[in-house]
Amino acid sequence: MRTDVLVINVNLNPATTEGCEAIQARLQMLRPELSVAVMHWTDASLEKEAENARGLVLGPNENPFPSYPDSFRGLLDWVRVQGGPILGVCGGHQVLALAHGAHVAPVHDVPPATTSYAGMPKMDGLTPTRRVREDPLCADLPERFEVSSSHVDEVKSLPEGFRLILEGAPSVIQMMRMEGRPVWGVQFHPEHDRAGDAGRGLLERWLDLL
């Protein structure tokens, strides 16, 4: 059976699947006819499954990237050459940024986490955003709307070749898109129930591209 959307679990531990499964459930709720699978980034068959999928989602993560093994660089190299459609969600958004040479660090002025996010100050709740550039994923959405945040780190600067779509505070880069490719990253969680119509609308527009 062909996988329509492959959600790539970018967590350090393959058993940490809650975030990816939430994305999978939301996409299948929006489009019951689609086949949506979850696969860890270390799975030997990832590249083959991704090649046959119509779209890729880079899921969230629960460990700071400095704690990852050297083999994680292989995932970043692979992500950098993928053409899309791709949607990076929270940690997946940060993976996109790292793959394209940008910097990821804590939202707040604290030392970066190295092994765990335990005890780190976290963005958690609804965050106001403002659209600064028109984009297909934001079609029919208002200029300003709230998104569901749950993250310690953020993308500090836009990767080369990306453009800002949604801005917020204190995390400015809430949504970015790569020029010339259907590749997006969102710092927030459109799959969360509290994301409401805006989150569902953004996911629906992405699914329209498949």
N, C-alpha and C. Protein backbone atom coordinates (compact mmCIF):
# COMPACT_ATOMS: atom_id res chain seq x y z
N MET A 1 0.84 -1.20 0.00
CA MET A 1 0.00 0.00 0.00
C MET A 1 0.87 1.24 0.00
N ARG A 2 0.57 2.18 -0.89
CA ARG A 2 1.37 3.39 -1.00
C ARG A 2 1.07 4.34 0.15
N THR A 3 2.13 4.95 0.69
CA THR A 3 1.99 5.98 1.71
C THR A 3 1.85 7.33 1.02
N ASP A 4 0.75 8.03 1.30
CA ASP A 4 0.55 9.35 0.72
C ASP A 4 1.39 10.40 1.45
N VAL A 5 1.34 10.37 2.78
CA VAL A 5 2.12 11.32 3.59
C VAL A 5 2.97 10.52 4.57
N LEU A 6 4.26 10.81 4.58
CA LEU A 6 5.17 10.18 5.52
C LEU A 6 5.56 11.21 6.58
N VAL A 7 5.20 10.92 7.82
CA VAL A 7 5.58 11.78 8.95
C VAL A 7 6.90 11.22 9.50
N ILE A 8 7.95 12.00 9.42
CA ILE A 8 9.27 11.55 9.86
C ILE A 8 9.48 11.94 11.32
N ASN A 9 9.68 10.93 12.14
CA ASN A 9 9.91 11.12 13.57
C ASN A 9 11.37 11.52 13.76
N VAL A 10 11.61 12.79 14.10
CA VAL A 10 12.98 13.29 14.26
C VAL A 10 13.45 13.23 15.71
N ASN A 11 12.68 12.57 16.58
CA ASN A 11 13.10 12.42 17.97
C ASN A 11 14.36 11.58 18.08
N LEU A 12 15.09 11.78 19.15
CA LEU A 12 16.27 10.97 19.42
C LEU A 12 15.89 9.52 19.66
N ASN A 13 14.82 9.32 20.42
CA ASN A 13 14.36 7.98 20.78
C ASN A 13 13.23 7.55 19.84
N PRO A 14 13.39 6.44 19.12
CA PRO A 14 12.32 6.00 18.21
C PRO A 14 11.00 5.71 18.91
N ALA A 15 11.06 5.43 20.22
CA ALA A 15 9.84 5.13 20.96
C ALA A 15 9.03 6.39 21.30
N THR A 16 9.62 7.57 21.10
CA THR A 16 8.90 8.82 21.36
C THR A 16 8.12 9.18 20.10
N THR A 17 6.84 8.84 20.11
CA THR A 17 6.03 8.96 18.90
C THR A 17 4.79 9.83 19.07
N GLU A 18 4.54 10.32 20.28
CA GLU A 18 3.27 11.01 20.56
C GLU A 18 3.03 12.19 19.62
N GLY A 19 4.05 13.04 19.44
CA GLY A 19 3.88 14.22 18.60
C GLY A 19 3.58 13.85 17.15
N CYS A 20 4.31 12.88 16.63
CA CYS A 20 4.10 12.45 15.24
C CYS A 20 2.74 11.78 15.06
N GLU A 21 2.34 11.01 16.06
CA GLU A 21 1.04 10.35 15.97
C GLU A 21 -0.10 11.36 16.04
N ALA A 22 0.09 12.46 16.74
CA ALA A 22 -0.92 13.52 16.77
C ALA A 22 -1.07 14.16 15.39
N ILE A 23 0.06 14.37 14.70
CA ILE A 23 0.01 14.90 13.34
C ILE A 23 -0.66 13.90 12.41
N GLN A 24 -0.27 12.65 12.53
CA GLN A 24 -0.87 11.59 11.71
C GLN A 24 -2.39 11.56 11.89
N ALA A 25 -2.85 11.61 13.14
CA ALA A 25 -4.29 11.56 13.41
C ALA A 25 -5.02 12.76 12.83
N ARG A 26 -4.40 13.94 12.95
CA ARG A 26 -5.06 15.15 12.42
C ARG A 26 -5.15 15.09 10.90
N LEU A 27 -4.09 14.67 10.23
CA LEU A 27 -4.12 14.60 8.77
C LEU A 27 -5.15 13.57 8.30
N GLN A 28 -5.23 12.46 8.99
CA GLN A 28 -6.20 11.44 8.59
C GLN A 28 -7.62 11.87 8.90
N MET A 29 -7.81 12.70 9.92
CA MET A 29 -9.13 13.24 10.20
C MET A 29 -9.56 14.20 9.09
N LEU A 30 -8.60 15.00 8.61
CA LEU A 30 -8.90 15.97 7.56
C LEU A 30 -9.12 15.28 6.21
N ARG A 31 -8.36 14.22 5.94
CA ARG A 31 -8.46 13.50 4.66
C ARG A 31 -8.46 12.00 4.92
N PRO A 32 -9.59 11.43 5.28
CA PRO A 32 -9.65 10.00 5.64
C PRO A 32 -9.17 9.07 4.53
N GLU A 33 -9.21 9.54 3.29
CA GLU A 33 -8.83 8.68 2.18
C GLU A 33 -7.31 8.54 2.04
N LEU A 34 -6.55 9.37 2.72
CA LEU A 34 -5.10 9.34 2.59
C LEU A 34 -4.47 8.31 3.53
N SER A 35 -3.38 7.72 3.06
CA SER A 35 -2.57 6.85 3.90
C SER A 35 -1.44 7.68 4.50
N VAL A 36 -1.41 7.74 5.84
CA VAL A 36 -0.40 8.54 6.55
C VAL A 36 0.38 7.62 7.47
N ALA A 37 1.69 7.55 7.30
CA ALA A 37 2.54 6.67 8.10
C ALA A 37 3.56 7.48 8.88
N VAL A 38 4.06 6.90 9.98
CA VAL A 38 5.11 7.49 10.80
C VAL A 38 6.34 6.60 10.73
N MET A 39 7.51 7.21 10.53
CA MET A 39 8.75 6.44 10.44
C MET A 39 9.88 7.24 11.09
N HIS A 40 10.71 6.56 11.88
CA HIS A 40 11.82 7.23 12.55
C HIS A 40 12.95 7.53 11.56
N TRP A 41 13.67 8.59 11.84
CA TRP A 41 14.71 9.04 10.91
C TRP A 41 15.86 8.04 10.75
N THR A 42 16.00 7.10 11.71
CA THR A 42 17.07 6.11 11.60
C THR A 42 16.64 4.84 10.86
N ASP A 43 15.38 4.75 10.48
CA ASP A 43 14.89 3.55 9.79
C ASP A 43 15.60 3.39 8.45
N ALA A 44 16.10 2.20 8.20
CA ALA A 44 16.89 1.95 6.99
C ALA A 44 16.08 2.13 5.72
N SER A 45 14.77 2.00 5.79
CA SER A 45 13.93 2.12 4.59
C SER A 45 13.33 3.51 4.42
N LEU A 46 13.81 4.48 5.21
CA LEU A 46 13.22 5.82 5.16
C LEU A 46 13.30 6.44 3.77
N GLU A 47 14.46 6.41 3.16
CA GLU A 47 14.63 7.07 1.86
C GLU A 47 13.70 6.46 0.81
N LYS A 48 13.57 5.15 0.81
CA LYS A 48 12.70 4.48 -0.16
C LYS A 48 11.25 4.87 0.07
N GLU A 49 10.81 4.85 1.34
CA GLU A 49 9.43 5.22 1.65
C GLU A 49 9.16 6.69 1.30
N ALA A 50 10.13 7.55 1.59
CA ALA A 50 9.97 8.97 1.29
C ALA A 50 9.89 9.22 -0.21
N GLU A 51 10.66 8.47 -0.97
CA GLU A 51 10.65 8.63 -2.43
C GLU A 51 9.29 8.32 -3.02
N ASN A 52 8.57 7.38 -2.41
CA ASN A 52 7.27 6.97 -2.92
C ASN A 52 6.11 7.77 -2.34
N ALA A 53 6.38 8.57 -1.32
CA ALA A 53 5.31 9.36 -0.69
C ALA A 53 5.03 10.62 -1.50
N ARG A 54 3.82 11.13 -1.37
CA ARG A 54 3.43 12.36 -2.06
C ARG A 54 3.82 13.61 -1.28
N GLY A 55 4.01 13.48 0.03
CA GLY A 55 4.41 14.61 0.86
C GLY A 55 5.09 14.12 2.12
N LEU A 56 5.97 14.97 2.68
CA LEU A 56 6.72 14.64 3.89
C LEU A 56 6.42 15.66 4.98
N VAL A 57 6.25 15.17 6.20
CA VAL A 57 6.15 16.04 7.37
C VAL A 57 7.30 15.70 8.30
N LEU A 58 8.06 16.71 8.71
CA LEU A 58 9.10 16.54 9.72
C LEU A 58 8.46 16.85 11.06
N GLY A 59 8.37 15.85 11.92
CA GLY A 59 7.64 16.00 13.16
C GLY A 59 8.42 16.71 14.25
N PRO A 60 7.78 16.92 15.41
CA PRO A 60 8.41 17.60 16.55
C PRO A 60 9.44 16.71 17.24
N ASN A 61 10.20 17.32 18.15
CA ASN A 61 11.21 16.56 18.90
C ASN A 61 11.17 16.93 20.37
N GLU A 62 11.71 16.07 21.21
CA GLU A 62 11.70 16.30 22.65
C GLU A 62 13.09 16.28 23.27
N ASN A 63 14.13 16.32 22.44
CA ASN A 63 15.50 16.36 22.93
C ASN A 63 16.27 17.45 22.20
N PRO A 64 17.18 18.14 22.89
CA PRO A 64 17.99 19.15 22.20
C PRO A 64 18.90 18.51 21.15
N PHE A 65 19.08 19.18 20.05
CA PHE A 65 19.85 18.59 18.95
C PHE A 65 21.31 18.30 19.29
N PRO A 66 21.97 19.04 20.22
CA PRO A 66 23.35 18.65 20.58
C PRO A 66 23.47 17.26 21.19
N SER A 67 22.35 16.68 21.63
CA SER A 67 22.40 15.34 22.22
C SER A 67 22.33 14.24 21.17
N TYR A 68 22.13 14.59 19.90
CA TYR A 68 21.98 13.60 18.84
C TYR A 68 23.34 13.07 18.39
N PRO A 69 23.36 11.84 17.86
CA PRO A 69 24.64 11.26 17.38
C PRO A 69 25.08 11.93 16.07
N ASP A 70 26.32 11.68 15.71
CA ASP A 70 26.87 12.26 14.48
C ASP A 70 26.06 11.85 13.25
N SER A 71 25.40 10.70 13.31
CA SER A 71 24.63 10.23 12.16
C SER A 71 23.45 11.14 11.83
N PHE A 72 23.08 12.00 12.77
CA PHE A 72 21.99 12.95 12.51
C PHE A 72 22.35 13.90 11.38
N ARG A 73 23.62 14.14 11.20
CA ARG A 73 24.06 14.99 10.08
C ARG A 73 23.62 14.42 8.75
N GLY A 74 23.56 13.09 8.66
CA GLY A 74 23.08 12.46 7.43
C GLY A 74 21.64 12.82 7.13
N LEU A 75 20.80 12.89 8.17
CA LEU A 75 19.41 13.31 7.96
C LEU A 75 19.36 14.74 7.48
N LEU A 76 20.14 15.62 8.07
CA LEU A 76 20.15 17.02 7.66
C LEU A 76 20.58 17.14 6.20
N ASP A 77 21.60 16.40 5.81
CA ASP A 77 22.06 16.43 4.41
C ASP A 77 20.96 15.95 3.47
N TRP A 78 20.24 14.92 3.89
CA TRP A 78 19.16 14.37 3.08
C TRP A 78 18.00 15.36 2.97
N VAL A 79 17.62 15.96 4.09
CA VAL A 79 16.52 16.93 4.09
C VAL A 79 16.83 18.09 3.16
N ARG A 80 18.07 18.51 3.13
CA ARG A 80 18.45 19.69 2.35
C ARG A 80 18.17 19.52 0.86
N VAL A 81 18.18 18.31 0.35
CA VAL A 81 18.02 18.11 -1.10
C VAL A 81 16.61 17.65 -1.48
N GLN A 82 15.72 17.53 -0.50
CA GLN A 82 14.36 17.10 -0.83
C GLN A 82 13.58 18.26 -1.46
N GLY A 83 12.77 17.93 -2.47
CA GLY A 83 12.07 18.96 -3.22
C GLY A 83 10.71 19.34 -2.70
N GLY A 84 10.06 18.48 -1.93
CA GLY A 84 8.75 18.79 -1.39
C GLY A 84 7.64 18.06 -2.13
N PRO A 85 6.39 18.25 -1.68
CA PRO A 85 5.99 19.12 -0.57
C PRO A 85 6.49 18.61 0.79
N ILE A 86 7.00 19.54 1.57
CA ILE A 86 7.50 19.25 2.91
C ILE A 86 6.92 20.27 3.88
N LEU A 87 6.53 19.79 5.05
CA LEU A 87 6.10 20.67 6.14
C LEU A 87 6.85 20.26 7.40
N GLY A 88 7.67 21.17 7.93
CA GLY A 88 8.35 20.94 9.19
C GLY A 88 7.54 21.54 10.32
N VAL A 89 7.26 20.75 11.35
CA VAL A 89 6.43 21.19 12.46
C VAL A 89 7.26 21.26 13.74
N CYS A 90 7.38 22.44 14.32
CA CYS A 90 8.10 22.69 15.57
C CYS A 90 9.54 22.20 15.46
N GLY A 91 9.88 21.06 16.08
CA GLY A 91 11.24 20.55 15.93
C GLY A 91 11.59 20.25 14.49
N GLY A 92 10.60 19.85 13.69
CA GLY A 92 10.84 19.62 12.27
C GLY A 92 11.15 20.90 11.52
N HIS A 93 10.53 21.99 11.94
CA HIS A 93 10.85 23.33 11.44
C HIS A 93 12.31 23.65 11.74
N GLN A 94 12.76 23.31 12.93
CA GLN A 94 14.14 23.55 13.32
C GLN A 94 15.10 22.64 12.54
N VAL A 95 14.67 21.42 12.25
CA VAL A 95 15.49 20.53 11.43
C VAL A 95 15.70 21.14 10.04
N LEU A 96 14.63 21.69 9.46
CA LEU A 96 14.76 22.37 8.17
C LEU A 96 15.79 23.49 8.25
N ALA A 97 15.71 24.27 9.31
CA ALA A 97 16.64 25.40 9.48
C ALA A 97 18.07 24.90 9.60
N LEU A 98 18.29 23.89 10.43
CA LEU A 98 19.63 23.34 10.60
C LEU A 98 20.16 22.76 9.28
N ALA A 99 19.30 22.09 8.54
CA ALA A 99 19.71 21.49 7.27
C ALA A 99 20.18 22.54 6.28
N HIS A 100 19.64 23.74 6.41
CA HIS A 100 19.99 24.81 5.47
C HIS A 100 20.89 25.88 6.10
N GLY A 101 21.56 25.51 7.19
CA GLY A 101 22.63 26.34 7.72
C GLY A 101 22.25 27.40 8.72
N ALA A 102 21.01 27.41 9.21
CA ALA A 102 20.58 28.40 10.19
C ALA A 102 20.87 27.92 11.61
N HIS A 103 20.69 28.82 12.56
CA HIS A 103 21.03 28.56 13.96
C HIS A 103 19.76 28.33 14.77
N VAL A 104 19.80 27.33 15.65
CA VAL A 104 18.70 27.03 16.56
C VAL A 104 19.22 27.16 17.99
N ALA A 105 18.47 27.87 18.84
CA ALA A 105 18.90 28.10 20.22
C ALA A 105 17.66 28.41 21.07
N PRO A 106 17.81 28.49 22.41
CA PRO A 106 16.65 28.75 23.26
C PRO A 106 15.95 30.06 22.95
N VAL A 107 14.64 30.05 23.14
CA VAL A 107 13.84 31.27 22.98
C VAL A 107 14.30 32.31 23.99
N HIS A 108 14.45 31.89 25.23
CA HIS A 108 14.80 32.80 26.32
C HIS A 108 16.32 32.86 26.50
N ASP A 109 16.77 33.87 27.21
CA ASP A 109 18.20 34.13 27.39
C ASP A 109 18.77 33.21 28.47
N VAL A 110 18.93 31.96 28.10
CA VAL A 110 19.49 30.95 29.00
C VAL A 110 20.51 30.13 28.21
N PRO A 111 21.40 29.42 28.90
CA PRO A 111 22.36 28.58 28.17
C PRO A 111 21.63 27.50 27.38
N PRO A 112 22.13 27.14 26.21
CA PRO A 112 21.50 26.09 25.41
C PRO A 112 21.50 24.75 26.13
N ALA A 113 20.44 23.99 25.91
CA ALA A 113 20.39 22.63 26.46
C ALA A 113 21.32 21.73 25.66
N THR A 114 21.93 20.78 26.34
CA THR A 114 22.85 19.86 25.67
C THR A 114 22.36 18.42 25.69
N THR A 115 21.74 18.01 26.80
CA THR A 115 21.29 16.62 26.89
C THR A 115 19.80 16.49 27.12
N SER A 116 19.16 17.51 27.72
CA SER A 116 17.75 17.42 28.06
C SER A 116 17.14 18.82 28.14
N TYR A 117 15.83 18.90 27.87
CA TYR A 117 15.11 20.15 28.03
C TYR A 117 14.54 20.31 29.44
N ALA A 118 14.78 19.36 30.33
CA ALA A 118 14.23 19.41 31.67
C ALA A 118 14.65 20.68 32.39
N GLY A 119 13.66 21.38 32.95
CA GLY A 119 13.92 22.61 33.69
C GLY A 119 14.11 23.84 32.84
N MET A 120 14.05 23.73 31.53
CA MET A 120 14.25 24.87 30.64
C MET A 120 12.96 25.67 30.51
N PRO A 121 13.05 27.01 30.42
CA PRO A 121 11.85 27.81 30.18
C PRO A 121 11.28 27.51 28.80
N LYS A 122 9.96 27.39 28.74
CA LYS A 122 9.31 26.89 27.54
C LYS A 122 8.18 27.81 27.09
N MET A 123 8.05 27.97 25.80
CA MET A 123 6.87 28.61 25.21
C MET A 123 5.76 27.58 25.15
N ASP A 124 4.64 27.86 25.80
CA ASP A 124 3.56 26.89 25.83
C ASP A 124 2.23 27.62 25.94
N GLY A 125 1.44 27.54 24.89
CA GLY A 125 0.14 28.22 24.88
C GLY A 125 -0.13 28.83 23.52
N LEU A 126 -1.07 29.75 23.48
CA LEU A 126 -1.43 30.41 22.23
C LEU A 126 -0.57 31.64 22.01
N THR A 127 -0.04 31.76 20.81
CA THR A 127 0.87 32.84 20.44
C THR A 127 0.27 33.64 19.29
N PRO A 128 0.12 34.96 19.42
CA PRO A 128 -0.36 35.78 18.31
C PRO A 128 0.67 35.82 17.17
N THR A 129 0.20 35.73 15.93
CA THR A 129 1.08 35.85 14.77
C THR A 129 0.49 36.85 13.78
N ARG A 130 1.35 37.34 12.91
CA ARG A 130 0.93 38.27 11.85
C ARG A 130 1.54 37.82 10.54
N ARG A 131 0.71 37.75 9.50
CA ARG A 131 1.20 37.37 8.18
C ARG A 131 1.93 38.56 7.55
N VAL A 132 3.17 38.36 7.14
CA VAL A 132 3.96 39.42 6.53
C VAL A 132 4.15 39.21 5.04
N ARG A 133 3.73 38.05 4.53
CA ARG A 133 3.85 37.74 3.11
C ARG A 133 2.74 36.77 2.74
N GLU A 134 2.14 36.98 1.57
CA GLU A 134 1.08 36.08 1.11
C GLU A 134 1.67 34.71 0.82
N ASP A 135 0.87 33.69 1.07
CA ASP A 135 1.34 32.33 0.86
C ASP A 135 0.14 31.41 0.68
N PRO A 136 0.25 30.38 -0.17
CA PRO A 136 -0.88 29.47 -0.39
C PRO A 136 -1.38 28.79 0.88
N LEU A 137 -0.48 28.50 1.83
CA LEU A 137 -0.92 27.82 3.04
C LEU A 137 -1.75 28.73 3.95
N CYS A 138 -1.64 30.02 3.73
CA CYS A 138 -2.39 30.98 4.55
C CYS A 138 -3.63 31.50 3.84
N ALA A 139 -3.96 30.93 2.68
CA ALA A 139 -5.14 31.36 1.95
C ALA A 139 -6.37 31.22 2.83
N ASP A 140 -7.21 32.23 2.83
CA ASP A 140 -8.46 32.27 3.59
C ASP A 140 -8.24 32.46 5.09
N LEU A 141 -6.99 32.60 5.54
CA LEU A 141 -6.74 32.88 6.95
C LEU A 141 -6.61 34.38 7.16
N PRO A 142 -6.98 34.89 8.34
CA PRO A 142 -6.86 36.33 8.59
C PRO A 142 -5.41 36.76 8.64
N GLU A 143 -5.18 38.06 8.59
CA GLU A 143 -3.81 38.58 8.67
C GLU A 143 -3.19 38.25 10.02
N ARG A 144 -3.99 38.29 11.07
CA ARG A 144 -3.51 37.99 12.42
C ARG A 144 -4.33 36.85 13.01
N PHE A 145 -3.66 35.87 13.57
CA PHE A 145 -4.35 34.78 14.25
C PHE A 145 -3.40 34.14 15.25
N GLU A 146 -3.96 33.35 16.17
CA GLU A 146 -3.17 32.71 17.20
C GLU A 146 -2.78 31.29 16.77
N VAL A 147 -1.60 30.88 17.20
CA VAL A 147 -1.11 29.53 16.93
C VAL A 147 -0.77 28.85 18.26
N SER A 148 -0.67 27.54 18.24
CA SER A 148 -0.41 26.76 19.44
C SER A 148 1.09 26.47 19.56
N SER A 149 1.71 27.02 20.60
CA SER A 149 3.15 26.88 20.80
C SER A 149 3.48 25.85 21.87
N SER A 150 4.58 25.14 21.68
CA SER A 150 5.11 24.23 22.69
C SER A 150 6.56 23.93 22.33
N HIS A 151 7.47 24.83 22.74
CA HIS A 151 8.87 24.65 22.35
C HIS A 151 9.80 25.41 23.29
N VAL A 152 11.02 24.90 23.40
CA VAL A 152 12.08 25.54 24.17
C VAL A 152 13.01 26.32 23.26
N ASP A 153 13.39 25.69 22.15
CA ASP A 153 14.29 26.31 21.17
C ASP A 153 13.49 26.99 20.06
N GLU A 154 14.18 27.78 19.27
CA GLU A 154 13.59 28.45 18.12
C GLU A 154 14.64 28.63 17.04
N VAL A 155 14.19 28.93 15.85
CA VAL A 155 15.09 29.28 14.74
C VAL A 155 15.46 30.75 14.89
N LYS A 156 16.74 31.02 15.00
CA LYS A 156 17.20 32.38 15.31
C LYS A 156 17.29 33.29 14.08
N SER A 157 17.51 32.71 12.92
CA SER A 157 17.59 33.52 11.70
C SER A 157 17.13 32.68 10.53
N LEU A 158 16.59 33.34 9.52
CA LEU A 158 16.11 32.61 8.35
C LEU A 158 17.27 31.94 7.61
N PRO A 159 17.09 30.68 7.22
CA PRO A 159 18.10 30.06 6.38
C PRO A 159 18.17 30.77 5.03
N GLU A 160 19.32 30.69 4.40
CA GLU A 160 19.46 31.28 3.07
C GLU A 160 18.47 30.64 2.10
N GLY A 161 17.76 31.48 1.35
CA GLY A 161 16.80 30.98 0.40
C GLY A 161 15.40 30.83 0.94
N PHE A 162 15.19 31.14 2.21
CA PHE A 162 13.87 31.07 2.82
C PHE A 162 13.33 32.49 3.03
N ARG A 163 12.01 32.59 3.06
CA ARG A 163 11.34 33.87 3.31
C ARG A 163 10.37 33.72 4.47
N LEU A 164 10.26 34.79 5.24
CA LEU A 164 9.36 34.80 6.39
C LEU A 164 7.91 34.96 5.91
N ILE A 165 7.01 34.12 6.45
CA ILE A 165 5.59 34.19 6.11
C ILE A 165 4.78 34.70 7.30
N LEU A 166 5.00 34.13 8.48
CA LEU A 166 4.31 34.56 9.69
C LEU A 166 5.35 34.95 10.73
N GLU A 167 5.11 36.08 11.42
CA GLU A 167 6.00 36.48 12.49
C GLU A 167 5.23 36.54 13.81
N GLY A 168 5.95 36.35 14.90
CA GLY A 168 5.34 36.41 16.21
C GLY A 168 6.33 36.95 17.21
N ALA A 169 6.04 36.80 18.50
CA ALA A 169 6.93 37.23 19.56
C ALA A 169 6.68 36.36 20.79
N PRO A 170 7.73 35.99 21.52
CA PRO A 170 9.13 36.36 21.29
C PRO A 170 9.80 35.57 20.16
N SER A 171 9.22 34.47 19.72
CA SER A 171 9.79 33.75 18.58
C SER A 171 9.31 34.40 17.29
N VAL A 172 10.20 35.07 16.61
CA VAL A 172 9.82 35.85 15.42
C VAL A 172 9.45 34.95 14.26
N ILE A 173 10.28 33.93 13.98
CA ILE A 173 10.10 33.10 12.79
C ILE A 173 9.07 32.01 13.09
N GLN A 174 7.81 32.33 12.90
CA GLN A 174 6.73 31.38 13.15
C GLN A 174 6.44 30.51 11.94
N MET A 175 6.67 31.05 10.75
CA MET A 175 6.47 30.26 9.54
C MET A 175 7.40 30.78 8.45
N MET A 176 8.06 29.87 7.76
CA MET A 176 8.98 30.24 6.68
C MET A 176 8.74 29.32 5.51
N ARG A 177 9.13 29.81 4.34
CA ARG A 177 9.02 28.99 3.12
C ARG A 177 10.28 29.14 2.29
N MET A 178 10.67 28.04 1.67
CA MET A 178 11.82 28.06 0.78
C MET A 178 11.40 28.58 -0.59
N GLU A 179 12.17 29.50 -1.13
CA GLU A 179 11.86 30.05 -2.44
C GLU A 179 12.04 28.98 -3.51
N GLY A 180 11.04 28.85 -4.38
CA GLY A 180 11.15 27.94 -5.51
C GLY A 180 10.80 26.50 -5.22
N ARG A 181 10.53 26.16 -3.97
CA ARG A 181 10.15 24.79 -3.61
C ARG A 181 8.97 24.82 -2.65
N PRO A 182 8.11 23.79 -2.69
CA PRO A 182 7.00 23.72 -1.73
C PRO A 182 7.48 23.15 -0.40
N VAL A 183 8.34 23.91 0.27
CA VAL A 183 8.95 23.50 1.52
C VAL A 183 8.68 24.57 2.57
N TRP A 184 7.97 24.20 3.64
CA TRP A 184 7.60 25.14 4.69
C TRP A 184 8.04 24.62 6.05
N GLY A 185 8.30 25.54 6.96
CA GLY A 185 8.50 25.21 8.36
C GLY A 185 7.61 26.09 9.21
N VAL A 186 6.98 25.49 10.23
CA VAL A 186 6.16 26.25 11.19
C VAL A 186 6.66 25.93 12.58
N GLN A 187 6.91 26.97 13.37
CA GLN A 187 7.40 26.76 14.73
C GLN A 187 6.31 26.23 15.65
N PHE A 188 5.07 26.43 15.25
CA PHE A 188 3.93 26.07 16.08
C PHE A 188 3.38 24.68 15.71
N HIS A 189 2.25 24.33 16.34
CA HIS A 189 1.63 23.02 16.16
C HIS A 189 0.23 23.16 15.56
N PRO A 190 0.10 23.13 14.24
CA PRO A 190 -1.23 23.25 13.63
C PRO A 190 -2.12 22.05 13.92
N GLU A 191 -1.53 20.96 14.37
CA GLU A 191 -2.31 19.74 14.65
C GLU A 191 -3.01 19.78 16.00
N HIS A 192 -2.64 20.70 16.88
CA HIS A 192 -3.26 20.78 18.20
C HIS A 192 -4.71 21.21 18.11
N ASP A 193 -5.55 20.68 18.99
CA ASP A 193 -6.95 21.09 19.05
C ASP A 193 -7.07 22.59 19.30
N ARG A 194 -6.21 23.11 20.18
CA ARG A 194 -6.31 24.53 20.52
C ARG A 194 -5.87 25.44 19.36
N ALA A 195 -5.27 24.86 18.30
CA ALA A 195 -4.92 25.66 17.13
C ALA A 195 -6.15 26.08 16.36
N GLY A 196 -7.26 25.38 16.55
CA GLY A 196 -8.54 25.78 15.98
C GLY A 196 -8.58 25.76 14.47
N ASP A 197 -9.44 26.63 13.92
CA ASP A 197 -9.66 26.66 12.47
C ASP A 197 -8.41 27.05 11.70
N ALA A 198 -7.59 27.91 12.29
CA ALA A 198 -6.38 28.36 11.59
C ALA A 198 -5.42 27.19 11.37
N GLY A 199 -5.21 26.36 12.41
CA GLY A 199 -4.33 25.21 12.26
C GLY A 199 -4.86 24.22 11.26
N ARG A 200 -6.15 23.93 11.35
CA ARG A 200 -6.73 22.98 10.40
C ARG A 200 -6.69 23.53 8.98
N GLY A 201 -6.95 24.82 8.83
CA GLY A 201 -6.92 25.43 7.51
C GLY A 201 -5.55 25.37 6.88
N LEU A 202 -4.52 25.61 7.66
CA LEU A 202 -3.15 25.54 7.14
C LEU A 202 -2.82 24.12 6.69
N LEU A 203 -3.17 23.13 7.48
CA LEU A 203 -2.91 21.74 7.09
C LEU A 203 -3.70 21.34 5.85
N GLU A 204 -4.93 21.81 5.77
CA GLU A 204 -5.74 21.49 4.58
C GLU A 204 -5.12 22.07 3.32
N ARG A 205 -4.63 23.30 3.40
CA ARG A 205 -4.00 23.91 2.22
C ARG A 205 -2.74 23.15 1.82
N TRP A 206 -1.98 22.65 2.83
CA TRP A 206 -0.81 21.86 2.50
C TRP A 206 -1.22 20.55 1.83
N LEU A 207 -2.24 19.92 2.34
CA LEU A 207 -2.72 18.67 1.74
C LEU A 207 -3.24 18.89 0.32
N ASP A 208 -3.76 20.06 0.03
CA ASP A 208 -4.23 20.37 -1.31
C ASP A 208 -3.10 20.29 -2.34
N LEU A 209 -1.86 20.44 -1.89
CA LEU A 209 -0.72 20.45 -2.81
C LEU A 209 -0.25 19.05 -3.20
N LEU A 210 -0.73 18.05 -2.50
CA LEU A 210 -0.24 16.69 -2.76
C LEU A 210 -0.75 16.15 -4.09
